[in-house]
Amino acid sequence: YGISKEDIKNGLLNYTGASRRFEYIGKFNDVCVFDDYGHHPTEILATANALKQKHFRESWVIFQPHTYSRTLSHLDEFAKVLLNFDNIIITDIYAAREINTYNISSKDLVNKINELSQKAIYISDFNQIVSYVKENAKPNDIVLTLGAGTIEDPTFIGRTPHREEQQCHRDTPSEEGTGLSPQSHDRLYQPD
């Protein structure tokens, strides 16, 4: 094909992965922040399974459901799959092209998760989400923003140099006694 081995090697070495698929965003107070486009229960499960390969103290998911119709038709599945996270924050449904003729809200998903004996909270305002996470996340936690709507808006997500990313990709068991066990933006990340 006329491509040198050196070009292939350099291409592979510089490949950073697919955008918005468990994408490293930044870090604050030793809390790693990732973003994922998952907005269907099957995609969320795949992301949750990938997260289980990491080692951290607790997981945080900030989920923005995508469309009223999808939220209604997959309400039970969303609730079950989100149980894979230690801390669950649900924000408003991203309507996309829809009008809410379904009489569904994010609070219905929060209630369904709470019925399954896991605590989920509803916070509509991104600034309040950021404040809540910054006040409650602890060092060695991992935060994942999840959804196809405005959850990945650049005003909410911050970027940090990828040199820090390696510290957030611990795929090997943690040291005994550290309290770590295997188990996702702009305003969250503030440079030190």
N, C-alpha and C. Protein backbone atom coordinates (compact mmCIF):
# COMPACT_ATOMS: atom_id res chain seq x y z
N TYR A 1 0.81 -1.20 0.00
CA TYR A 1 0.00 0.00 0.00
C TYR A 1 0.85 1.27 0.00
N GLY A 2 2.13 1.13 0.06
CA GLY A 2 3.03 2.27 0.00
C GLY A 2 3.17 3.04 1.31
N ILE A 3 2.78 2.44 2.42
CA ILE A 3 2.92 3.10 3.72
C ILE A 3 4.11 2.47 4.45
N SER A 4 5.02 3.30 4.88
CA SER A 4 6.20 2.77 5.55
C SER A 4 5.85 2.26 6.94
N LYS A 5 6.66 1.33 7.42
CA LYS A 5 6.48 0.82 8.78
C LYS A 5 6.62 1.94 9.80
N GLU A 6 7.51 2.88 9.53
CA GLU A 6 7.71 4.01 10.44
C GLU A 6 6.45 4.87 10.53
N ASP A 7 5.79 5.12 9.38
CA ASP A 7 4.54 5.89 9.39
C ASP A 7 3.44 5.14 10.14
N ILE A 8 3.37 3.84 9.96
CA ILE A 8 2.37 3.03 10.67
C ILE A 8 2.63 3.10 12.17
N LYS A 9 3.90 2.94 12.55
CA LYS A 9 4.27 2.98 13.95
C LYS A 9 3.91 4.33 14.56
N ASN A 10 4.27 5.42 13.88
CA ASN A 10 3.97 6.77 14.39
C ASN A 10 2.47 7.01 14.49
N GLY A 11 1.72 6.51 13.51
CA GLY A 11 0.26 6.65 13.55
C GLY A 11 -0.34 5.96 14.75
N LEU A 12 0.13 4.74 15.02
CA LEU A 12 -0.37 4.00 16.17
C LEU A 12 0.04 4.64 17.50
N LEU A 13 1.26 5.12 17.57
CA LEU A 13 1.74 5.76 18.79
C LEU A 13 1.00 7.05 19.09
N ASN A 14 0.54 7.76 18.06
CA ASN A 14 -0.14 9.04 18.25
C ASN A 14 -1.65 8.93 18.29
N TYR A 15 -2.19 7.72 18.13
CA TYR A 15 -3.64 7.54 18.15
C TYR A 15 -4.16 7.71 19.57
N THR A 16 -5.12 8.58 19.75
CA THR A 16 -5.63 8.88 21.08
C THR A 16 -6.99 8.24 21.35
N GLY A 17 -7.54 7.53 20.39
CA GLY A 17 -8.84 6.88 20.60
C GLY A 17 -9.96 7.71 20.00
N ALA A 18 -11.15 7.17 20.08
CA ALA A 18 -12.33 7.84 19.53
C ALA A 18 -12.78 8.95 20.47
N SER A 19 -13.13 10.07 19.90
CA SER A 19 -13.63 11.19 20.68
C SER A 19 -14.93 10.81 21.37
N ARG A 20 -15.05 11.22 22.63
CA ARG A 20 -16.25 11.01 23.45
C ARG A 20 -16.54 9.55 23.74
N ARG A 21 -15.55 8.70 23.65
CA ARG A 21 -15.69 7.31 24.09
C ARG A 21 -14.67 7.08 25.19
N PHE A 22 -15.15 7.19 26.43
CA PHE A 22 -14.29 7.10 27.62
C PHE A 22 -13.08 8.02 27.44
N GLU A 23 -13.38 9.24 27.02
CA GLU A 23 -12.33 10.23 26.72
C GLU A 23 -11.89 10.95 27.99
N TYR A 24 -10.59 10.96 28.20
CA TYR A 24 -10.03 11.67 29.35
C TYR A 24 -10.24 13.16 29.15
N ILE A 25 -10.76 13.84 30.19
CA ILE A 25 -11.07 15.26 30.11
C ILE A 25 -10.12 16.08 30.96
N GLY A 26 -9.89 15.66 32.16
CA GLY A 26 -9.04 16.43 33.05
C GLY A 26 -9.04 15.87 34.45
N LYS A 27 -8.51 16.65 35.35
CA LYS A 27 -8.33 16.19 36.71
C LYS A 27 -8.46 17.38 37.65
N PHE A 28 -9.10 17.17 38.80
CA PHE A 28 -9.15 18.18 39.85
C PHE A 28 -9.02 17.46 41.18
N ASN A 29 -8.25 18.00 42.08
CA ASN A 29 -8.08 17.43 43.43
C ASN A 29 -7.85 15.91 43.40
N ASP A 30 -7.06 15.43 42.48
CA ASP A 30 -6.78 14.00 42.32
C ASP A 30 -8.03 13.19 41.97
N VAL A 31 -9.00 13.84 41.35
CA VAL A 31 -10.20 13.18 40.82
C VAL A 31 -10.10 13.23 39.30
N CYS A 32 -10.16 12.07 38.66
CA CYS A 32 -10.05 12.00 37.21
C CYS A 32 -11.43 12.13 36.58
N VAL A 33 -11.52 12.90 35.50
CA VAL A 33 -12.78 13.16 34.82
C VAL A 33 -12.71 12.63 33.40
N PHE A 34 -13.72 11.84 33.02
CA PHE A 34 -13.84 11.27 31.68
C PHE A 34 -15.21 11.62 31.12
N ASP A 35 -15.33 11.54 29.81
CA ASP A 35 -16.60 11.82 29.13
C ASP A 35 -16.90 10.69 28.16
N ASP A 36 -18.18 10.35 28.05
CA ASP A 36 -18.59 9.32 27.10
C ASP A 36 -19.95 9.68 26.49
N TYR A 37 -20.09 9.36 25.22
CA TYR A 37 -21.28 9.68 24.43
C TYR A 37 -22.43 8.73 24.70
N GLY A 38 -22.22 7.70 25.48
CA GLY A 38 -23.24 6.68 25.70
C GLY A 38 -24.59 7.27 26.11
N HIS A 39 -25.63 6.92 25.36
CA HIS A 39 -26.96 7.42 25.68
C HIS A 39 -28.04 6.35 25.49
N HIS A 40 -27.60 5.11 25.41
CA HIS A 40 -28.48 3.95 25.33
C HIS A 40 -27.99 2.95 26.38
N PRO A 41 -28.88 2.19 27.01
CA PRO A 41 -28.43 1.28 28.07
C PRO A 41 -27.29 0.34 27.67
N THR A 42 -27.29 -0.13 26.44
CA THR A 42 -26.22 -1.03 25.98
C THR A 42 -24.88 -0.32 25.98
N GLU A 43 -24.86 0.92 25.51
CA GLU A 43 -23.62 1.71 25.49
C GLU A 43 -23.16 2.03 26.92
N ILE A 44 -24.09 2.35 27.77
CA ILE A 44 -23.74 2.67 29.16
C ILE A 44 -23.15 1.44 29.85
N LEU A 45 -23.71 0.27 29.57
CA LEU A 45 -23.16 -0.96 30.15
C LEU A 45 -21.73 -1.19 29.68
N ALA A 46 -21.47 -0.98 28.40
CA ALA A 46 -20.11 -1.14 27.88
C ALA A 46 -19.15 -0.18 28.57
N THR A 47 -19.58 1.05 28.79
CA THR A 47 -18.75 2.03 29.47
C THR A 47 -18.53 1.64 30.93
N ALA A 48 -19.58 1.17 31.58
CA ALA A 48 -19.46 0.74 32.98
C ALA A 48 -18.50 -0.44 33.09
N ASN A 49 -18.55 -1.36 32.13
CA ASN A 49 -17.62 -2.50 32.14
C ASN A 49 -16.18 -2.05 31.93
N ALA A 50 -15.98 -1.06 31.05
CA ALA A 50 -14.63 -0.52 30.85
C ALA A 50 -14.14 0.16 32.13
N LEU A 51 -15.03 0.84 32.80
CA LEU A 51 -14.68 1.52 34.05
C LEU A 51 -14.22 0.53 35.11
N LYS A 52 -14.81 -0.64 35.12
CA LYS A 52 -14.44 -1.66 36.11
C LYS A 52 -13.01 -2.15 35.94
N GLN A 53 -12.40 -1.86 34.80
CA GLN A 53 -11.00 -2.23 34.57
C GLN A 53 -10.05 -1.24 35.24
N LYS A 54 -10.58 -0.12 35.69
CA LYS A 54 -9.78 0.90 36.36
C LYS A 54 -9.79 0.65 37.87
N HIS A 55 -8.87 1.28 38.55
CA HIS A 55 -8.82 1.18 40.01
C HIS A 55 -8.97 2.58 40.58
N PHE A 56 -9.94 2.72 41.45
CA PHE A 56 -10.26 4.02 42.00
C PHE A 56 -11.03 3.81 43.30
N ARG A 57 -11.29 4.88 44.01
CA ARG A 57 -12.02 4.80 45.27
C ARG A 57 -13.51 4.63 45.01
N GLU A 58 -14.15 5.63 44.38
CA GLU A 58 -15.57 5.57 44.03
C GLU A 58 -15.78 6.14 42.64
N SER A 59 -16.85 5.68 42.00
CA SER A 59 -17.21 6.19 40.68
C SER A 59 -18.38 7.16 40.79
N TRP A 60 -18.35 8.16 39.93
CA TRP A 60 -19.42 9.15 39.83
C TRP A 60 -19.89 9.18 38.38
N VAL A 61 -21.18 9.14 38.17
CA VAL A 61 -21.71 9.32 36.82
C VAL A 61 -22.66 10.51 36.85
N ILE A 62 -22.50 11.37 35.86
CA ILE A 62 -23.42 12.48 35.64
C ILE A 62 -24.07 12.17 34.30
N PHE A 63 -25.33 11.75 34.34
CA PHE A 63 -26.01 11.26 33.14
C PHE A 63 -27.09 12.24 32.68
N GLN A 64 -27.03 12.56 31.39
CA GLN A 64 -28.06 13.36 30.77
C GLN A 64 -28.82 12.47 29.78
N PRO A 65 -30.04 12.06 30.14
CA PRO A 65 -30.82 11.25 29.20
C PRO A 65 -31.02 11.99 27.88
N HIS A 66 -31.10 11.24 26.80
CA HIS A 66 -31.24 11.81 25.46
C HIS A 66 -32.60 11.43 24.89
N THR A 67 -33.45 12.37 24.74
CA THR A 67 -34.82 12.34 24.21
C THR A 67 -35.81 11.74 25.21
N TYR A 68 -36.98 12.32 25.18
CA TYR A 68 -38.07 11.87 26.06
C TYR A 68 -38.51 10.46 25.71
N SER A 69 -38.64 10.20 24.41
CA SER A 69 -39.11 8.88 23.98
C SER A 69 -38.16 7.77 24.41
N ARG A 70 -36.86 7.99 24.26
CA ARG A 70 -35.88 6.98 24.67
C ARG A 70 -35.89 6.79 26.19
N THR A 71 -36.00 7.89 26.91
CA THR A 71 -36.02 7.79 28.37
C THR A 71 -37.23 6.98 28.83
N LEU A 72 -38.37 7.23 28.24
CA LEU A 72 -39.57 6.49 28.61
C LEU A 72 -39.47 5.02 28.23
N SER A 73 -39.04 4.75 27.01
CA SER A 73 -39.03 3.35 26.54
C SER A 73 -37.95 2.50 27.19
N HIS A 74 -36.90 3.12 27.73
CA HIS A 74 -35.80 2.38 28.36
C HIS A 74 -35.63 2.73 29.83
N LEU A 75 -36.67 3.26 30.46
CA LEU A 75 -36.55 3.73 31.84
C LEU A 75 -36.00 2.65 32.77
N ASP A 76 -36.56 1.45 32.72
CA ASP A 76 -36.10 0.37 33.60
C ASP A 76 -34.66 -0.03 33.30
N GLU A 77 -34.32 -0.13 32.02
CA GLU A 77 -32.95 -0.51 31.64
C GLU A 77 -31.94 0.55 32.07
N PHE A 78 -32.30 1.85 31.88
CA PHE A 78 -31.41 2.92 32.34
C PHE A 78 -31.17 2.80 33.85
N ALA A 79 -32.23 2.61 34.58
CA ALA A 79 -32.10 2.52 36.04
C ALA A 79 -31.17 1.37 36.43
N LYS A 80 -31.37 0.22 35.84
CA LYS A 80 -30.55 -0.95 36.18
C LYS A 80 -29.08 -0.75 35.82
N VAL A 81 -28.81 -0.23 34.63
CA VAL A 81 -27.42 -0.10 34.20
C VAL A 81 -26.68 0.99 34.98
N LEU A 82 -27.39 2.01 35.41
CA LEU A 82 -26.74 3.07 36.18
C LEU A 82 -26.37 2.62 37.60
N LEU A 83 -26.92 1.48 38.03
CA LEU A 83 -26.55 0.93 39.33
C LEU A 83 -25.08 0.51 39.38
N ASN A 84 -24.42 0.45 38.22
CA ASN A 84 -23.01 0.09 38.16
C ASN A 84 -22.09 1.18 38.71
N PHE A 85 -22.65 2.36 39.01
CA PHE A 85 -21.85 3.48 39.49
C PHE A 85 -22.16 3.72 40.96
N ASP A 86 -21.16 4.18 41.71
CA ASP A 86 -21.33 4.42 43.14
C ASP A 86 -22.18 5.65 43.43
N ASN A 87 -22.00 6.70 42.66
CA ASN A 87 -22.69 7.97 42.86
C ASN A 87 -23.36 8.36 41.55
N ILE A 88 -24.64 8.62 41.59
CA ILE A 88 -25.41 8.84 40.36
C ILE A 88 -26.09 10.20 40.42
N ILE A 89 -25.77 11.05 39.44
CA ILE A 89 -26.41 12.34 39.29
C ILE A 89 -27.11 12.34 37.93
N ILE A 90 -28.38 12.69 37.93
CA ILE A 90 -29.14 12.76 36.69
C ILE A 90 -29.51 14.22 36.47
N THR A 91 -29.30 14.69 35.25
CA THR A 91 -29.68 16.05 34.90
C THR A 91 -30.84 15.99 33.90
N ASP A 92 -31.30 17.16 33.47
CA ASP A 92 -32.47 17.22 32.60
C ASP A 92 -32.29 16.43 31.31
N ILE A 93 -33.38 15.91 30.82
CA ILE A 93 -33.40 15.20 29.54
C ILE A 93 -33.07 16.18 28.43
N TYR A 94 -32.18 15.77 27.54
CA TYR A 94 -31.87 16.56 26.35
C TYR A 94 -32.93 16.22 25.31
N ALA A 95 -33.75 17.18 24.98
CA ALA A 95 -34.92 16.93 24.11
C ALA A 95 -34.54 16.63 22.67
N ALA A 96 -33.44 17.19 22.19
CA ALA A 96 -33.06 17.08 20.78
C ALA A 96 -34.21 17.61 19.94
N ARG A 97 -34.82 16.76 19.17
CA ARG A 97 -35.87 17.15 18.23
C ARG A 97 -37.27 17.02 18.81
N GLU A 98 -37.39 16.57 20.05
CA GLU A 98 -38.70 16.19 20.60
C GLU A 98 -39.32 17.26 21.49
N ILE A 99 -40.64 17.16 21.59
CA ILE A 99 -41.43 17.89 22.58
C ILE A 99 -41.89 16.84 23.57
N ASN A 100 -41.93 17.17 24.84
CA ASN A 100 -42.29 16.19 25.86
C ASN A 100 -43.80 15.95 25.87
N THR A 101 -44.24 15.08 24.99
CA THR A 101 -45.64 14.65 24.97
C THR A 101 -45.79 13.34 25.74
N TYR A 102 -44.70 12.89 26.37
CA TYR A 102 -44.66 11.58 27.04
C TYR A 102 -44.87 11.66 28.55
N ASN A 103 -44.93 12.89 29.07
CA ASN A 103 -45.09 13.08 30.52
C ASN A 103 -43.98 12.35 31.30
N ILE A 104 -42.74 12.52 30.85
CA ILE A 104 -41.58 11.87 31.47
C ILE A 104 -40.58 12.97 31.85
N SER A 105 -39.87 12.76 32.94
CA SER A 105 -38.81 13.69 33.33
C SER A 105 -37.65 12.89 33.91
N SER A 106 -36.54 13.56 34.09
CA SER A 106 -35.37 12.93 34.71
C SER A 106 -35.67 12.48 36.13
N LYS A 107 -36.59 13.15 36.78
CA LYS A 107 -36.96 12.75 38.14
C LYS A 107 -37.57 11.35 38.16
N ASP A 108 -38.24 10.96 37.06
CA ASP A 108 -38.78 9.59 36.98
C ASP A 108 -37.65 8.57 37.01
N LEU A 109 -36.54 8.87 36.33
CA LEU A 109 -35.39 7.98 36.34
C LEU A 109 -34.75 7.94 37.73
N VAL A 110 -34.62 9.09 38.36
CA VAL A 110 -34.07 9.13 39.72
C VAL A 110 -34.94 8.29 40.66
N ASN A 111 -36.24 8.44 40.57
CA ASN A 111 -37.14 7.66 41.42
C ASN A 111 -37.00 6.17 41.17
N LYS A 112 -36.86 5.78 39.91
CA LYS A 112 -36.71 4.36 39.55
C LYS A 112 -35.42 3.80 40.14
N ILE A 113 -34.32 4.55 40.05
CA ILE A 113 -33.04 4.11 40.62
C ILE A 113 -33.17 3.99 42.13
N ASN A 114 -33.79 4.97 42.76
CA ASN A 114 -33.96 4.94 44.21
C ASN A 114 -34.83 3.76 44.65
N GLU A 115 -35.82 3.38 43.84
CA GLU A 115 -36.64 2.19 44.13
C GLU A 115 -35.79 0.92 44.13
N LEU A 116 -34.70 0.94 43.36
CA LEU A 116 -33.80 -0.23 43.28
C LEU A 116 -32.73 -0.20 44.37
N SER A 117 -32.92 0.64 45.36
CA SER A 117 -32.06 0.71 46.55
C SER A 117 -30.68 1.32 46.29
N GLN A 118 -30.56 2.14 45.30
CA GLN A 118 -29.32 2.89 45.10
C GLN A 118 -29.70 4.36 45.10
N LYS A 119 -28.91 5.18 45.72
CA LYS A 119 -29.24 6.60 45.79
C LYS A 119 -28.82 7.31 44.51
N ALA A 120 -29.77 7.98 43.89
CA ALA A 120 -29.52 8.85 42.75
C ALA A 120 -30.10 10.21 43.11
N ILE A 121 -29.47 11.25 42.57
CA ILE A 121 -30.00 12.59 42.81
C ILE A 121 -30.21 13.30 41.48
N TYR A 122 -31.14 14.21 41.49
CA TYR A 122 -31.45 15.03 40.32
C TYR A 122 -30.93 16.44 40.56
N ILE A 123 -30.12 16.93 39.63
CA ILE A 123 -29.65 18.32 39.65
C ILE A 123 -29.76 18.82 38.22
N SER A 124 -30.52 19.89 38.00
CA SER A 124 -30.75 20.36 36.64
C SER A 124 -29.66 21.32 36.15
N ASP A 125 -29.08 22.08 37.05
CA ASP A 125 -28.14 23.12 36.67
C ASP A 125 -26.70 22.60 36.66
N PHE A 126 -26.00 22.77 35.55
CA PHE A 126 -24.63 22.27 35.43
C PHE A 126 -23.72 22.89 36.48
N ASN A 127 -23.88 24.18 36.78
CA ASN A 127 -23.04 24.82 37.80
C ASN A 127 -23.24 24.17 39.16
N GLN A 128 -24.49 23.81 39.46
CA GLN A 128 -24.76 23.15 40.73
C GLN A 128 -24.19 21.73 40.75
N ILE A 129 -24.21 21.07 39.61
CA ILE A 129 -23.60 19.73 39.52
C ILE A 129 -22.11 19.83 39.82
N VAL A 130 -21.46 20.79 39.19
CA VAL A 130 -20.03 20.99 39.40
C VAL A 130 -19.74 21.25 40.87
N SER A 131 -20.50 22.14 41.48
CA SER A 131 -20.29 22.44 42.90
C SER A 131 -20.48 21.19 43.75
N TYR A 132 -21.53 20.45 43.48
CA TYR A 132 -21.83 19.25 44.26
C TYR A 132 -20.69 18.23 44.15
N VAL A 133 -20.23 18.01 42.92
CA VAL A 133 -19.15 17.02 42.72
C VAL A 133 -17.86 17.49 43.38
N LYS A 134 -17.54 18.76 43.22
CA LYS A 134 -16.32 19.28 43.83
C LYS A 134 -16.36 19.19 45.35
N GLU A 135 -17.53 19.36 45.93
CA GLU A 135 -17.66 19.28 47.39
C GLU A 135 -17.64 17.84 47.90
N ASN A 136 -18.03 16.89 47.07
CA ASN A 136 -18.23 15.53 47.56
C ASN A 136 -17.28 14.48 47.02
N ALA A 137 -16.72 14.68 45.86
CA ALA A 137 -15.77 13.70 45.31
C ALA A 137 -14.47 13.77 46.11
N LYS A 138 -13.84 12.63 46.28
CA LYS A 138 -12.62 12.52 47.07
C LYS A 138 -11.44 12.13 46.17
N PRO A 139 -10.22 12.37 46.62
CA PRO A 139 -9.06 11.93 45.84
C PRO A 139 -9.17 10.46 45.46
N ASN A 140 -8.76 10.14 44.26
CA ASN A 140 -8.79 8.81 43.66
C ASN A 140 -10.19 8.37 43.23
N ASP A 141 -11.17 9.29 43.25
CA ASP A 141 -12.48 9.00 42.64
C ASP A 141 -12.35 9.21 41.13
N ILE A 142 -13.34 8.71 40.42
CA ILE A 142 -13.40 8.90 38.97
C ILE A 142 -14.79 9.41 38.64
N VAL A 143 -14.85 10.47 37.81
CA VAL A 143 -16.11 11.10 37.41
C VAL A 143 -16.29 10.87 35.92
N LEU A 144 -17.49 10.47 35.54
CA LEU A 144 -17.82 10.23 34.14
C LEU A 144 -19.05 11.03 33.77
N THR A 145 -18.93 11.89 32.78
CA THR A 145 -20.11 12.54 32.22
C THR A 145 -20.57 11.67 31.07
N LEU A 146 -21.88 11.50 30.98
CA LEU A 146 -22.42 10.49 30.07
C LEU A 146 -23.67 11.04 29.39
N GLY A 147 -23.71 10.98 28.06
CA GLY A 147 -24.88 11.39 27.32
C GLY A 147 -24.52 12.01 25.98
N ALA A 148 -25.54 12.22 25.16
CA ALA A 148 -25.34 12.73 23.80
C ALA A 148 -25.75 14.19 23.66
N GLY A 149 -26.19 14.81 24.72
CA GLY A 149 -26.69 16.18 24.63
C GLY A 149 -25.65 17.20 25.01
N THR A 150 -26.07 18.19 25.79
CA THR A 150 -25.20 19.31 26.18
C THR A 150 -24.25 18.95 27.31
N ILE A 151 -24.29 17.73 27.79
CA ILE A 151 -23.39 17.30 28.86
C ILE A 151 -21.93 17.46 28.43
N GLU A 152 -21.68 17.42 27.12
CA GLU A 152 -20.30 17.57 26.65
C GLU A 152 -20.02 18.96 26.11
N ASP A 153 -20.90 19.89 26.38
CA ASP A 153 -20.72 21.28 25.96
C ASP A 153 -19.38 21.80 26.47
N PRO A 154 -18.60 22.44 25.58
CA PRO A 154 -17.27 22.93 26.00
C PRO A 154 -17.30 23.87 27.20
N THR A 155 -18.42 24.53 27.47
CA THR A 155 -18.47 25.40 28.63
C THR A 155 -18.57 24.60 29.92
N PHE A 156 -18.89 23.32 29.80
CA PHE A 156 -19.00 22.45 30.97
C PHE A 156 -17.77 21.57 31.12
N ILE A 157 -17.14 21.23 30.00
CA ILE A 157 -16.00 20.32 30.02
C ILE A 157 -14.71 21.11 29.87
N GLY A 158 -13.74 20.80 30.68
CA GLY A 158 -12.43 21.42 30.55
C GLY A 158 -11.43 20.42 30.02
N ARG A 159 -10.42 20.89 29.40
CA ARG A 159 -9.37 20.03 28.86
C ARG A 159 -8.09 20.27 29.64
N THR A 160 -7.31 19.26 29.75
CA THR A 160 -6.03 19.37 30.43
C THR A 160 -5.00 18.63 29.59
N PRO A 161 -3.74 18.98 29.69
CA PRO A 161 -2.73 18.28 28.90
C PRO A 161 -2.76 16.78 29.17
N HIS A 162 -2.58 16.00 28.12
CA HIS A 162 -2.68 14.54 28.24
C HIS A 162 -1.53 13.93 29.04
N ARG A 163 -0.54 14.73 29.45
CA ARG A 163 0.54 14.18 30.28
C ARG A 163 -0.01 13.70 31.62
N GLU A 164 -1.12 14.29 32.08
CA GLU A 164 -1.73 13.86 33.34
C GLU A 164 -2.58 12.62 33.16
N GLU A 165 -2.95 12.32 31.93
CA GLU A 165 -3.88 11.24 31.67
C GLU A 165 -3.38 9.91 32.19
N GLN A 166 -2.10 9.65 32.08
CA GLN A 166 -1.55 8.37 32.50
C GLN A 166 -1.86 8.09 33.97
N GLN A 167 -1.87 9.11 34.80
CA GLN A 167 -2.18 8.93 36.21
C GLN A 167 -3.62 8.45 36.42
N CYS A 168 -4.48 8.68 35.45
CA CYS A 168 -5.89 8.29 35.57
C CYS A 168 -6.17 6.96 34.89
N HIS A 169 -5.19 6.33 34.33
CA HIS A 169 -5.38 5.08 33.60
C HIS A 169 -4.73 3.91 34.31
N ARG A 170 -4.88 3.87 35.60
CA ARG A 170 -4.29 2.76 36.35
C ARG A 170 -5.13 1.52 36.11
N ASP A 171 -4.59 0.59 35.35
CA ASP A 171 -5.30 -0.65 35.05
C ASP A 171 -4.76 -1.82 35.84
N THR A 172 -3.82 -1.56 36.72
CA THR A 172 -3.25 -2.63 37.52
C THR A 172 -3.74 -2.51 38.94
N PRO A 173 -3.76 -3.60 39.69
CA PRO A 173 -4.28 -3.53 41.06
C PRO A 173 -3.52 -2.51 41.90
N SER A 174 -4.26 -1.87 42.80
CA SER A 174 -3.66 -0.86 43.67
C SER A 174 -2.89 -1.53 44.79
N GLU A 175 -2.11 -0.74 45.48
CA GLU A 175 -1.33 -1.23 46.61
C GLU A 175 -2.26 -1.60 47.75
N GLU A 176 -1.90 -2.61 48.50
CA GLU A 176 -2.66 -3.00 49.69
C GLU A 176 -2.74 -1.81 50.65
N GLY A 177 -3.88 -1.64 51.27
CA GLY A 177 -4.02 -0.62 52.30
C GLY A 177 -4.26 0.79 51.81
N THR A 178 -4.40 1.00 50.50
CA THR A 178 -4.63 2.36 50.02
C THR A 178 -6.09 2.73 50.04
N GLY A 179 -6.98 1.75 50.20
CA GLY A 179 -8.40 2.04 50.18
C GLY A 179 -8.97 2.08 48.78
N LEU A 180 -8.15 1.83 47.78
CA LEU A 180 -8.64 1.85 46.41
C LEU A 180 -9.17 0.47 46.04
N SER A 181 -10.25 0.45 45.30
CA SER A 181 -10.80 -0.82 44.86
C SER A 181 -11.30 -0.69 43.44
N PRO A 182 -11.33 -1.78 42.65
CA PRO A 182 -11.81 -1.66 41.28
C PRO A 182 -13.32 -1.35 41.26
N GLN A 183 -13.83 -0.70 40.56
CA GLN A 183 -15.27 -0.38 40.34
C GLN A 183 -15.64 0.29 38.98
N SER A 184 -18.60 11.42 34.71
CA SER A 184 -17.30 11.56 34.03
C SER A 184 -17.49 12.51 33.90
N HIS A 185 -15.98 18.66 34.06
CA HIS A 185 -15.81 19.26 32.83
C HIS A 185 -15.23 20.64 33.12
N ASP A 186 -15.23 21.61 32.26
CA ASP A 186 -14.42 22.85 32.39
C ASP A 186 -14.42 23.33 33.83
N ARG A 187 -15.58 23.41 34.40
CA ARG A 187 -15.64 23.94 35.75
C ARG A 187 -15.22 22.90 36.77
N LEU A 188 -15.25 21.61 36.41
CA LEU A 188 -14.74 20.58 37.30
C LEU A 188 -13.22 20.65 37.35
N TYR A 189 -12.63 20.84 36.18
CA TYR A 189 -11.17 20.85 36.11
C TYR A 189 -10.67 22.28 36.26
N GLN A 190 -9.81 22.49 37.23
CA GLN A 190 -9.13 23.77 37.37
C GLN A 190 -7.67 23.46 37.57
N PRO A 191 -6.82 24.03 36.71
CA PRO A 191 -5.38 23.76 36.85
C PRO A 191 -4.88 24.13 38.23
N ASP A 192 -3.94 23.33 38.71
CA ASP A 192 -3.34 23.61 40.03
C ASP A 192 -2.46 24.84 39.99
